[in-house]
């Protein structure tokens, strides 16, 4: 997906700590554990097309590049004391280290 860096408004920037997947029949889900602050972890639940998009980005990209920006219409939920953000059809995942949001995150 192509994007204009000036048009991106970030919802979440974080360091990927783990990725766990579940494929059951036609259902696909990935849960990405993102560290967004030193003591704050968010779980990003990806479903169906978002799962495919995210997996493709991980396969293509540099594995050492672990900070990503998520642009989404977030659907936040608390479950077991953890914050989960559920994917929507409009999700976009960006690993571009030249974006200001990622640069700010990395410098913290």
Protein backbone atom coordinates (compact mmCIF):
# COMPACT_ATOMS: atom_id res chain seq x y z
CA UNK A 1 0.00 0.00 0.00
CA UNK A 2 1.38 3.38 -0.88
CA UNK A 3 1.01 6.37 1.38
CA UNK A 4 1.94 10.00 1.69
CA UNK A 5 3.92 10.55 4.90
CA UNK A 6 2.32 13.98 5.36
CA UNK A 7 -1.15 12.43 5.40
CA UNK A 8 -0.52 9.78 8.05
CA UNK A 9 -2.09 10.31 11.43
CA UNK A 10 -0.87 7.66 13.82
CA UNK A 11 -3.11 5.88 16.25
CA UNK A 12 -0.43 3.68 17.81
CA UNK A 13 3.34 3.47 17.50
CA UNK A 14 5.08 0.68 19.30
CA UNK A 15 7.83 -1.89 19.40
CA UNK A 16 6.79 -5.39 18.39
CA UNK A 17 7.52 -7.80 21.23
CA UNK A 18 5.76 -10.89 19.92
CA UNK A 19 3.51 -12.15 17.16
CA UNK A 20 1.25 -15.15 17.68
CA UNK A 21 -1.00 -16.60 15.02
CA UNK A 22 -4.04 -18.81 14.85
CA UNK A 23 -5.37 -20.32 11.64
CA UNK A 24 -8.50 -22.42 12.03
CA UNK A 25 -10.38 -23.32 8.88
CA UNK A 26 -11.20 -20.05 7.17
CA UNK A 27 -10.50 -17.90 10.25
CA UNK A 28 -7.10 -16.25 10.59
CA UNK A 29 -6.01 -14.22 13.59
CA UNK A 30 -2.70 -12.74 14.66
CA UNK A 31 -2.12 -11.08 18.01
CA UNK A 32 0.74 -8.59 18.04
CA UNK A 33 2.09 -7.53 21.42
CA UNK A 34 3.23 -3.89 21.16
CA UNK A 35 5.18 -1.97 23.77
CA UNK A 36 3.91 1.60 23.43
CA UNK A 37 5.41 3.05 26.64
CA UNK A 38 8.08 1.64 28.98
CA UNK A 39 5.43 -0.10 31.11
CA UNK A 40 2.48 -0.19 28.72
CA UNK A 41 1.77 -3.11 26.41
CA UNK A 42 -1.11 -3.19 23.94
CA UNK A 43 -2.36 -6.31 22.18
CA UNK A 44 -3.32 -5.73 18.56
CA UNK A 45 -5.76 -8.38 17.31
CA UNK A 46 -5.63 -8.74 13.55
CA UNK A 47 -8.25 -10.65 11.59
CA UNK A 48 -8.60 -11.90 8.02
CA UNK A 49 -7.28 -9.33 5.49
CA UNK A 50 -5.36 -7.41 8.17
CA UNK A 51 -3.65 -10.69 9.08
CA UNK A 52 -2.57 -11.25 5.48
CA UNK A 53 -1.37 -7.66 5.07
CA UNK A 54 0.65 -7.71 8.29
CA UNK A 55 2.16 -11.14 7.55
CA UNK A 56 3.20 -9.95 4.10
CA UNK A 57 4.91 -6.89 5.54
CA UNK A 58 6.83 -9.02 8.04
CA UNK A 59 7.95 -11.43 5.32
CA UNK A 60 9.15 -8.62 3.04
CA UNK A 61 10.71 -6.37 5.64
CA UNK A 62 13.89 -6.28 7.63
CA UNK A 63 13.34 -8.46 10.70
CA UNK A 64 15.44 -6.08 12.82
CA UNK A 65 12.92 -3.33 12.13
CA UNK A 66 10.64 -3.86 15.08
CA UNK A 67 8.93 -0.48 15.49
CA UNK A 68 5.73 -0.03 13.61
CA UNK A 69 3.06 2.57 13.27
CA UNK A 70 -0.56 1.50 13.16
CA UNK A 71 -3.10 3.69 11.43
CA UNK A 72 -6.53 2.32 12.14
CA UNK A 73 -10.02 3.00 13.25
CA UNK A 74 -9.29 1.32 16.55
CA UNK A 75 -11.84 -0.72 18.41
CA UNK A 76 -10.37 -0.79 21.96
CA UNK A 77 -11.42 -3.40 24.51
CA UNK A 78 -10.18 -4.37 27.97
CA UNK A 79 -9.85 -8.10 28.47
CA UNK A 80 -8.19 -9.70 31.47
CA UNK A 81 -6.66 -6.35 32.47
CA UNK A 82 -5.02 -5.92 29.05
CA UNK A 83 -5.89 -3.40 26.34
CA UNK A 84 -6.73 -4.99 22.99
CA UNK A 85 -7.09 -3.09 19.74
CA UNK A 86 -9.08 -5.01 17.14
CA UNK A 87 -8.36 -4.66 13.44
CA UNK A 88 -10.76 -3.05 11.02
CA UNK A 89 -10.81 -3.06 7.20
CA UNK A 90 -9.10 0.35 7.13
CA UNK A 91 -5.95 -0.71 9.00
CA UNK A 92 -2.52 0.25 7.71
CA UNK A 93 0.82 -0.86 9.13
CA UNK A 94 3.92 1.24 8.50
CA UNK A 95 7.52 0.36 9.32
CA UNK A 96 9.06 3.46 7.70
CA UNK A 97 11.73 4.76 10.09
CA UNK A 98 11.72 8.16 8.36
CA UNK A 99 8.23 8.96 9.67
CA UNK A 100 8.26 11.43 12.54
CA UNK A 101 6.04 9.29 14.80
CA UNK A 102 8.42 6.33 14.55
CA UNK A 103 11.48 8.55 14.98
CA UNK A 104 9.94 10.09 18.12
CA UNK A 105 9.09 6.65 19.49
CA UNK A 106 12.60 5.31 18.90
CA UNK A 107 14.21 8.36 20.52
CA UNK A 108 12.21 7.92 23.76
